[in-house]
Amino acid sequence: MADYIAKAPIRRLMKKQGADLVAAEALDRLIEFLENVAAETTEKAIKITKADKRKRITQADIREASVRLI
């Protein structure tokens, strides 16, 4: 998958949570996971939007799609 999420903001988030030392591979894996979740959520939101015969994805669509992932 392409790199859409930058490493620096994720690294800062991890550091803020207390992770002072993080392997580069761990950071890459987390970013890959987040990108996959975002892609799956978007696909589900598109299906919801099309089922409602709309073109615009709304916050409610994303919320419903993300609940379906869990």
N, C-alpha and C. Protein backbone atom coordinates (compact mmCIF):
# COMPACT_ATOMS: atom_id res chain seq x y z
N MET A 1 0.85 -1.18 0.00
CA MET A 1 0.00 0.00 0.00
C MET A 1 0.89 1.24 0.00
N ALA A 2 0.42 2.27 -0.63
CA ALA A 2 1.19 3.52 -0.71
C ALA A 2 1.27 4.18 0.67
N ASP A 3 2.29 4.99 0.83
CA ASP A 3 2.45 5.70 2.10
C ASP A 3 1.66 7.00 2.06
N TYR A 4 0.51 6.99 2.72
CA TYR A 4 -0.32 8.18 2.80
C TYR A 4 -0.16 8.87 4.14
N ILE A 5 0.18 8.11 5.16
CA ILE A 5 0.33 8.66 6.51
C ILE A 5 1.81 8.87 6.78
N ALA A 6 2.16 10.08 7.15
CA ALA A 6 3.56 10.41 7.43
C ALA A 6 4.01 9.79 8.76
N LYS A 7 5.28 9.46 8.82
CA LYS A 7 5.83 8.83 10.03
C LYS A 7 5.92 9.79 11.21
N ALA A 8 6.31 11.03 10.96
CA ALA A 8 6.56 11.97 12.06
C ALA A 8 5.34 12.19 12.97
N PRO A 9 4.15 12.43 12.43
CA PRO A 9 3.01 12.64 13.33
C PRO A 9 2.67 11.40 14.15
N ILE A 10 2.81 10.22 13.54
CA ILE A 10 2.53 8.98 14.27
C ILE A 10 3.58 8.78 15.36
N ARG A 11 4.82 9.06 15.03
CA ARG A 11 5.90 8.95 16.02
C ARG A 11 5.65 9.89 17.20
N ARG A 12 5.23 11.13 16.91
CA ARG A 12 4.92 12.09 17.98
C ARG A 12 3.76 11.59 18.84
N LEU A 13 2.76 11.01 18.21
CA LEU A 13 1.63 10.45 18.94
C LEU A 13 2.09 9.33 19.86
N MET A 14 2.93 8.45 19.35
CA MET A 14 3.44 7.34 20.16
C MET A 14 4.28 7.86 21.32
N LYS A 15 5.10 8.86 21.05
CA LYS A 15 5.94 9.44 22.10
C LYS A 15 5.07 10.09 23.18
N LYS A 16 4.02 10.76 22.75
CA LYS A 16 3.10 11.40 23.69
C LYS A 16 2.45 10.36 24.61
N GLN A 17 2.25 9.16 24.08
CA GLN A 17 1.65 8.08 24.86
C GLN A 17 2.67 7.35 25.72
N GLY A 18 3.95 7.73 25.62
CA GLY A 18 4.97 7.15 26.48
C GLY A 18 5.95 6.22 25.81
N ALA A 19 5.85 6.04 24.50
CA ALA A 19 6.76 5.15 23.77
C ALA A 19 7.99 5.94 23.35
N ASP A 20 9.02 5.94 24.20
CA ASP A 20 10.23 6.71 23.90
C ASP A 20 11.09 6.05 22.83
N LEU A 21 11.15 4.74 22.83
CA LEU A 21 11.94 4.00 21.84
C LEU A 21 11.02 3.11 21.02
N VAL A 22 10.99 3.34 19.72
CA VAL A 22 10.14 2.55 18.83
C VAL A 22 10.97 2.14 17.63
N ALA A 23 10.96 0.86 17.32
CA ALA A 23 11.69 0.36 16.15
C ALA A 23 11.04 0.88 14.88
N ALA A 24 11.84 1.15 13.88
CA ALA A 24 11.34 1.65 12.60
C ALA A 24 10.33 0.68 12.00
N GLU A 25 10.59 -0.62 12.15
CA GLU A 25 9.67 -1.63 11.62
C GLU A 25 8.32 -1.57 12.32
N ALA A 26 8.34 -1.29 13.62
CA ALA A 26 7.09 -1.19 14.38
C ALA A 26 6.28 0.02 13.90
N LEU A 27 6.95 1.12 13.68
CA LEU A 27 6.28 2.32 13.19
C LEU A 27 5.70 2.08 11.80
N ASP A 28 6.47 1.43 10.94
CA ASP A 28 5.99 1.11 9.59
C ASP A 28 4.77 0.21 9.65
N ARG A 29 4.80 -0.78 10.52
CA ARG A 29 3.68 -1.72 10.64
C ARG A 29 2.43 -1.02 11.14
N LEU A 30 2.57 -0.12 12.12
CA LEU A 30 1.42 0.62 12.62
C LEU A 30 0.82 1.49 11.53
N ILE A 31 1.66 2.16 10.76
CA ILE A 31 1.18 3.01 9.67
C ILE A 31 0.47 2.16 8.62
N GLU A 32 1.02 1.01 8.30
CA GLU A 32 0.38 0.10 7.34
C GLU A 32 -1.00 -0.32 7.84
N PHE A 33 -1.09 -0.65 9.13
CA PHE A 33 -2.36 -1.04 9.73
C PHE A 33 -3.37 0.10 9.65
N LEU A 34 -2.96 1.31 10.01
CA LEU A 34 -3.86 2.46 9.99
C LEU A 34 -4.34 2.77 8.57
N GLU A 35 -3.45 2.65 7.59
CA GLU A 35 -3.84 2.88 6.20
C GLU A 35 -4.84 1.83 5.73
N ASN A 36 -4.63 0.58 6.14
CA ASN A 36 -5.57 -0.48 5.77
C ASN A 36 -6.94 -0.25 6.38
N VAL A 37 -6.97 0.14 7.65
CA VAL A 37 -8.25 0.42 8.32
C VAL A 37 -8.95 1.59 7.63
N ALA A 38 -8.21 2.63 7.28
CA ALA A 38 -8.80 3.78 6.59
C ALA A 38 -9.37 3.37 5.24
N ALA A 39 -8.65 2.53 4.51
CA ALA A 39 -9.11 2.08 3.20
C ALA A 39 -10.38 1.24 3.32
N GLU A 40 -10.39 0.30 4.27
CA GLU A 40 -11.57 -0.54 4.48
C GLU A 40 -12.77 0.28 4.92
N THR A 41 -12.55 1.23 5.80
CA THR A 41 -13.63 2.09 6.27
C THR A 41 -14.19 2.91 5.12
N THR A 42 -13.33 3.42 4.28
CA THR A 42 -13.77 4.20 3.13
C THR A 42 -14.59 3.35 2.17
N GLU A 43 -14.14 2.13 1.90
CA GLU A 43 -14.89 1.23 1.02
C GLU A 43 -16.28 0.98 1.56
N LYS A 44 -16.39 0.72 2.85
CA LYS A 44 -17.69 0.47 3.46
C LYS A 44 -18.56 1.73 3.44
N ALA A 45 -17.96 2.88 3.67
CA ALA A 45 -18.70 4.14 3.64
C ALA A 45 -19.23 4.43 2.23
N ILE A 46 -18.45 4.09 1.22
CA ILE A 46 -18.90 4.27 -0.17
C ILE A 46 -20.11 3.39 -0.44
N LYS A 47 -20.08 2.15 0.02
CA LYS A 47 -21.22 1.25 -0.16
C LYS A 47 -22.47 1.81 0.52
N ILE A 48 -22.30 2.34 1.72
CA ILE A 48 -23.42 2.93 2.46
C ILE A 48 -23.97 4.12 1.69
N THR A 49 -23.09 4.96 1.20
CA THR A 49 -23.49 6.15 0.46
C THR A 49 -24.23 5.78 -0.82
N LYS A 50 -23.71 4.81 -1.55
CA LYS A 50 -24.37 4.38 -2.79
C LYS A 50 -25.72 3.74 -2.51
N ALA A 51 -25.82 2.99 -1.41
CA ALA A 51 -27.09 2.36 -1.05
C ALA A 51 -28.16 3.42 -0.75
N ASP A 52 -27.73 4.55 -0.23
CA ASP A 52 -28.64 5.66 0.06
C ASP A 52 -28.81 6.60 -1.14
N LYS A 53 -28.21 6.23 -2.27
CA LYS A 53 -28.27 7.00 -3.51
C LYS A 53 -27.77 8.43 -3.32
N ARG A 54 -26.62 8.51 -2.67
CA ARG A 54 -25.95 9.80 -2.46
C ARG A 54 -24.55 9.72 -3.04
N LYS A 55 -23.92 10.88 -3.22
CA LYS A 55 -22.55 10.92 -3.71
C LYS A 55 -21.56 11.32 -2.63
N ARG A 56 -22.02 12.08 -1.65
CA ARG A 56 -21.13 12.61 -0.61
C ARG A 56 -21.08 11.68 0.59
N ILE A 57 -19.87 11.33 1.00
CA ILE A 57 -19.68 10.55 2.23
C ILE A 57 -19.78 11.50 3.41
N THR A 58 -20.60 11.12 4.39
CA THR A 58 -20.79 11.96 5.57
C THR A 58 -20.10 11.36 6.78
N GLN A 59 -20.06 12.15 7.84
CA GLN A 59 -19.50 11.67 9.10
C GLN A 59 -20.27 10.44 9.59
N ALA A 60 -21.58 10.45 9.41
CA ALA A 60 -22.41 9.32 9.84
C ALA A 60 -22.04 8.05 9.06
N ASP A 61 -21.72 8.19 7.78
CA ASP A 61 -21.30 7.04 6.97
C ASP A 61 -20.00 6.45 7.51
N ILE A 62 -19.05 7.31 7.83
CA ILE A 62 -17.77 6.85 8.37
C ILE A 62 -17.99 6.18 9.72
N ARG A 63 -18.82 6.78 10.55
CA ARG A 63 -19.09 6.19 11.87
C ARG A 63 -19.71 4.80 11.72
N GLU A 64 -20.72 4.69 10.85
CA GLU A 64 -21.36 3.39 10.63
C GLU A 64 -20.39 2.38 10.04
N ALA A 65 -19.58 2.80 9.10
CA ALA A 65 -18.60 1.91 8.48
C ALA A 65 -17.56 1.45 9.49
N SER A 66 -17.13 2.34 10.36
CA SER A 66 -16.11 1.97 11.34
C SER A 66 -16.68 1.04 12.40
N VAL A 67 -17.94 1.18 12.73
CA VAL A 67 -18.57 0.27 13.69
C VAL A 67 -18.66 -1.12 13.08
N ARG A 68 -18.92 -1.19 11.79
CA ARG A 68 -19.01 -2.49 11.11
C ARG A 68 -17.67 -3.21 11.08
N LEU A 69 -16.56 -2.47 11.15
CA LEU A 69 -15.24 -3.10 11.16
C LEU A 69 -14.98 -3.84 12.45
N ILE A 70 -15.55 -3.35 13.53
CA ILE A 70 -15.28 -3.93 14.85
C ILE A 70 -16.08 -5.15 15.08
